[in-house]
């Protein structure tokens, strides 16, 4: 699935609309693999966000994201949650 098999996408439209509040930060940390250093976490975000941009409409539907939501998340810098 284009490198997303290790990613648990639990992004909800409400979390995307809220932006960077504490709830979104907690959800992001729960979905990242455990034991990652800060730089590994940044690397993980970079790759998974790039993968979001390459998903097909069918894959986005499976994940529950619209093209706009995926684009918004995919274009975030790796240091932002």
N, C-alpha and C. Protein backbone atom coordinates (compact mmCIF):
# COMPACT_ATOMS: atom_id res chain seq x y z
N UNK A 1 0.83 -1.19 0.00
CA UNK A 1 0.00 0.00 0.00
C UNK A 1 0.86 1.24 0.00
N UNK A 2 1.82 1.31 -0.89
CA UNK A 2 2.67 2.49 -1.07
C UNK A 2 3.40 2.92 0.20
N UNK A 3 3.88 1.99 0.99
CA UNK A 3 4.66 2.34 2.17
C UNK A 3 3.83 2.72 3.37
N UNK A 4 2.54 2.59 3.30
CA UNK A 4 1.69 2.98 4.42
C UNK A 4 1.26 1.79 5.27
N UNK A 5 1.79 0.61 4.98
CA UNK A 5 1.34 -0.56 5.73
C UNK A 5 1.71 -0.47 7.20
N UNK A 6 2.76 0.29 7.55
CA UNK A 6 3.15 0.41 8.95
C UNK A 6 2.51 1.60 9.64
N UNK A 7 1.69 2.33 8.92
CA UNK A 7 1.10 3.54 9.48
C UNK A 7 -0.36 3.29 9.80
N UNK A 8 -0.76 3.64 10.98
CA UNK A 8 -2.17 3.54 11.36
C UNK A 8 -2.78 4.92 11.23
N UNK A 9 -3.54 5.11 10.17
CA UNK A 9 -4.11 6.43 9.93
C UNK A 9 -5.42 6.56 10.69
N UNK A 10 -5.36 7.34 11.74
CA UNK A 10 -6.56 7.59 12.53
C UNK A 10 -6.88 9.08 12.53
N UNK A 11 -6.58 9.72 11.41
CA UNK A 11 -6.88 11.13 11.30
C UNK A 11 -8.36 11.30 11.05
N UNK A 12 -8.99 12.07 11.85
CA UNK A 12 -10.41 12.35 11.69
C UNK A 12 -10.56 13.78 11.18
N UNK A 13 -11.62 14.01 10.47
CA UNK A 13 -11.80 15.34 9.89
C UNK A 13 -11.83 16.42 10.96
N UNK A 14 -12.32 16.11 12.15
CA UNK A 14 -12.34 17.10 13.22
C UNK A 14 -10.93 17.44 13.67
N UNK A 15 -10.05 16.46 13.75
CA UNK A 15 -8.67 16.71 14.16
C UNK A 15 -7.95 17.54 13.12
N UNK A 16 -8.20 17.26 11.84
CA UNK A 16 -7.58 18.05 10.79
C UNK A 16 -8.07 19.49 10.84
N UNK A 17 -9.35 19.67 11.12
CA UNK A 17 -9.91 21.02 11.17
C UNK A 17 -9.37 21.80 12.37
N UNK A 18 -9.15 21.12 13.49
CA UNK A 18 -8.65 21.79 14.69
C UNK A 18 -7.20 22.22 14.55
N UNK A 19 -6.41 21.46 13.81
CA UNK A 19 -5.00 21.80 13.65
C UNK A 19 -4.17 21.17 14.74
N UNK A 20 -3.29 21.94 15.32
CA UNK A 20 -2.34 21.41 16.28
C UNK A 20 -2.79 21.63 17.71
N UNK A 21 -3.83 20.97 18.11
CA UNK A 21 -4.19 21.03 19.52
C UNK A 21 -3.63 19.80 20.21
N UNK A 22 -3.85 19.69 21.49
CA UNK A 22 -3.28 18.57 22.25
C UNK A 22 -3.85 17.23 21.82
N UNK A 23 -5.10 17.19 21.41
CA UNK A 23 -5.69 15.93 20.96
C UNK A 23 -5.01 15.39 19.72
N UNK A 24 -4.71 16.27 18.79
CA UNK A 24 -4.03 15.85 17.57
C UNK A 24 -2.61 15.40 17.88
N UNK A 25 -1.96 16.08 18.79
CA UNK A 25 -0.60 15.70 19.17
C UNK A 25 -0.59 14.31 19.80
N UNK A 26 -1.53 14.03 20.69
CA UNK A 26 -1.59 12.71 21.31
C UNK A 26 -1.89 11.61 20.31
N UNK A 27 -2.78 11.89 19.37
CA UNK A 27 -3.11 10.89 18.35
C UNK A 27 -1.90 10.60 17.47
N UNK A 28 -1.15 11.62 17.14
CA UNK A 28 0.03 11.44 16.30
C UNK A 28 1.07 10.58 17.01
N UNK A 29 1.29 10.83 18.28
CA UNK A 29 2.28 10.06 19.02
C UNK A 29 1.83 8.62 19.21
N UNK A 30 0.54 8.39 19.34
CA UNK A 30 0.05 7.01 19.49
C UNK A 30 0.24 6.21 18.22
N UNK A 31 0.19 6.87 17.07
CA UNK A 31 0.28 6.16 15.80
C UNK A 31 1.71 5.96 15.32
N UNK A 32 2.65 6.65 15.93
CA UNK A 32 4.05 6.48 15.53
C UNK A 32 4.60 5.22 16.19
N UNK A 33 5.51 4.54 15.51
CA UNK A 33 6.14 3.38 16.14
C UNK A 33 6.85 3.77 17.43
N UNK A 34 6.80 2.89 18.39
CA UNK A 34 7.43 3.17 19.70
C UNK A 34 8.95 3.14 19.60
N UNK A 35 9.57 3.90 20.48
CA UNK A 35 11.01 3.86 20.61
C UNK A 35 11.76 4.69 19.58
N UNK A 36 11.07 5.56 18.88
CA UNK A 36 11.74 6.38 17.88
C UNK A 36 12.40 7.59 18.53
N UNK A 37 13.58 7.90 18.07
CA UNK A 37 14.22 9.14 18.51
C UNK A 37 13.51 10.30 17.81
N UNK A 38 13.83 11.50 18.20
CA UNK A 38 13.20 12.66 17.59
C UNK A 38 13.44 12.68 16.07
N UNK A 39 14.68 12.42 15.66
CA UNK A 39 14.99 12.44 14.23
C UNK A 39 14.33 11.30 13.49
N UNK A 40 14.23 10.14 14.11
CA UNK A 40 13.52 9.02 13.49
C UNK A 40 12.04 9.34 13.32
N UNK A 41 11.46 10.02 14.31
CA UNK A 41 10.06 10.42 14.22
C UNK A 41 9.87 11.42 13.08
N UNK A 42 10.78 12.36 12.94
CA UNK A 42 10.72 13.32 11.83
C UNK A 42 10.81 12.58 10.50
N UNK A 43 11.72 11.62 10.40
CA UNK A 43 11.91 10.85 9.17
C UNK A 43 10.64 10.06 8.84
N UNK A 44 10.05 9.46 9.87
CA UNK A 44 8.81 8.70 9.71
C UNK A 44 7.68 9.60 9.19
N UNK A 45 7.54 10.78 9.79
CA UNK A 45 6.51 11.72 9.33
C UNK A 45 6.74 12.13 7.88
N UNK A 46 7.99 12.41 7.53
CA UNK A 46 8.30 12.84 6.17
C UNK A 46 7.86 11.79 5.15
N UNK A 47 8.20 10.54 5.41
CA UNK A 47 7.87 9.47 4.46
C UNK A 47 6.38 9.17 4.41
N UNK A 48 5.73 9.15 5.55
CA UNK A 48 4.30 8.83 5.53
C UNK A 48 3.49 9.97 4.93
N UNK A 49 3.91 11.21 5.16
CA UNK A 49 3.20 12.33 4.55
C UNK A 49 3.39 12.36 3.05
N UNK A 50 4.57 12.02 2.57
CA UNK A 50 4.79 11.93 1.13
C UNK A 50 3.94 10.82 0.53
N UNK A 51 3.83 9.71 1.26
CA UNK A 51 3.03 8.59 0.77
C UNK A 51 1.56 8.97 0.66
N UNK A 52 1.08 9.81 1.57
CA UNK A 52 -0.31 10.27 1.50
C UNK A 52 -0.60 10.98 0.18
N UNK A 53 0.37 11.71 -0.30
CA UNK A 53 0.18 12.47 -1.54
C UNK A 53 0.06 11.58 -2.76
N UNK A 54 0.55 10.35 -2.66
CA UNK A 54 0.54 9.47 -3.83
C UNK A 54 -0.59 8.43 -3.78
N UNK A 55 -1.47 8.50 -2.80
CA UNK A 55 -2.56 7.54 -2.72
C UNK A 55 -3.60 7.79 -3.80
N UNK A 56 -4.19 6.71 -4.27
CA UNK A 56 -5.26 6.79 -5.26
C UNK A 56 -6.56 7.19 -4.56
N UNK A 57 -7.55 7.64 -5.30
CA UNK A 57 -8.85 7.97 -4.68
C UNK A 57 -9.47 6.79 -3.92
N UNK A 58 -9.29 5.59 -4.42
CA UNK A 58 -9.83 4.41 -3.74
C UNK A 58 -9.13 4.18 -2.39
N UNK A 59 -7.82 4.35 -2.39
CA UNK A 59 -7.07 4.18 -1.14
C UNK A 59 -7.44 5.26 -0.13
N UNK A 60 -7.62 6.48 -0.59
CA UNK A 60 -8.03 7.56 0.31
C UNK A 60 -9.40 7.28 0.89
N UNK A 61 -10.29 6.73 0.09
CA UNK A 61 -11.61 6.38 0.58
C UNK A 61 -11.51 5.30 1.67
N UNK A 62 -10.63 4.32 1.46
CA UNK A 62 -10.42 3.26 2.46
C UNK A 62 -9.93 3.85 3.79
N UNK A 63 -9.09 4.86 3.70
CA UNK A 63 -8.52 5.48 4.90
C UNK A 63 -9.51 6.45 5.52
N UNK A 64 -10.44 6.96 4.73
CA UNK A 64 -11.44 7.89 5.24
C UNK A 64 -11.03 9.35 5.11
N UNK A 65 -10.18 9.64 4.14
CA UNK A 65 -9.74 11.01 3.92
C UNK A 65 -10.16 11.48 2.54
N UNK A 66 -10.43 12.77 2.45
CA UNK A 66 -10.67 13.36 1.14
C UNK A 66 -9.33 13.73 0.52
N UNK A 67 -9.32 14.03 -0.75
CA UNK A 67 -8.09 14.44 -1.42
C UNK A 67 -7.54 15.72 -0.78
N UNK A 68 -8.43 16.64 -0.41
CA UNK A 68 -7.99 17.90 0.21
C UNK A 68 -7.36 17.66 1.58
N UNK A 69 -7.96 16.77 2.37
CA UNK A 69 -7.40 16.46 3.69
C UNK A 69 -6.04 15.81 3.55
N UNK A 70 -5.92 14.88 2.62
CA UNK A 70 -4.64 14.20 2.41
C UNK A 70 -3.58 15.18 1.93
N UNK A 71 -3.98 16.09 1.05
CA UNK A 71 -3.03 17.10 0.55
C UNK A 71 -2.59 18.03 1.68
N UNK A 72 -3.55 18.46 2.49
CA UNK A 72 -3.21 19.34 3.62
C UNK A 72 -2.22 18.66 4.57
N UNK A 73 -2.49 17.41 4.90
CA UNK A 73 -1.60 16.67 5.80
C UNK A 73 -0.27 16.36 5.11
N UNK A 74 -0.31 15.99 3.86
CA UNK A 74 0.89 15.60 3.13
C UNK A 74 1.85 16.75 2.89
N UNK A 75 1.34 17.95 2.83
CA UNK A 75 2.20 19.11 2.58
C UNK A 75 2.73 19.78 3.86
N UNK A 76 2.34 19.25 5.00
CA UNK A 76 2.88 19.80 6.26
C UNK A 76 4.36 19.50 6.35
N UNK A 77 5.13 20.42 6.92
CA UNK A 77 6.54 20.11 7.15
C UNK A 77 6.68 18.98 8.18
N UNK A 78 7.76 18.24 8.10
CA UNK A 78 7.92 17.07 8.98
C UNK A 78 8.00 17.43 10.45
N UNK A 79 8.34 18.64 10.79
CA UNK A 79 8.48 19.02 12.20
C UNK A 79 7.15 19.41 12.82
N UNK A 80 6.10 19.60 12.02
CA UNK A 80 4.78 19.94 12.56
C UNK A 80 3.98 18.68 12.83
N UNK A 81 3.21 18.73 13.88
CA UNK A 81 2.38 17.57 14.24
C UNK A 81 1.06 17.66 13.56
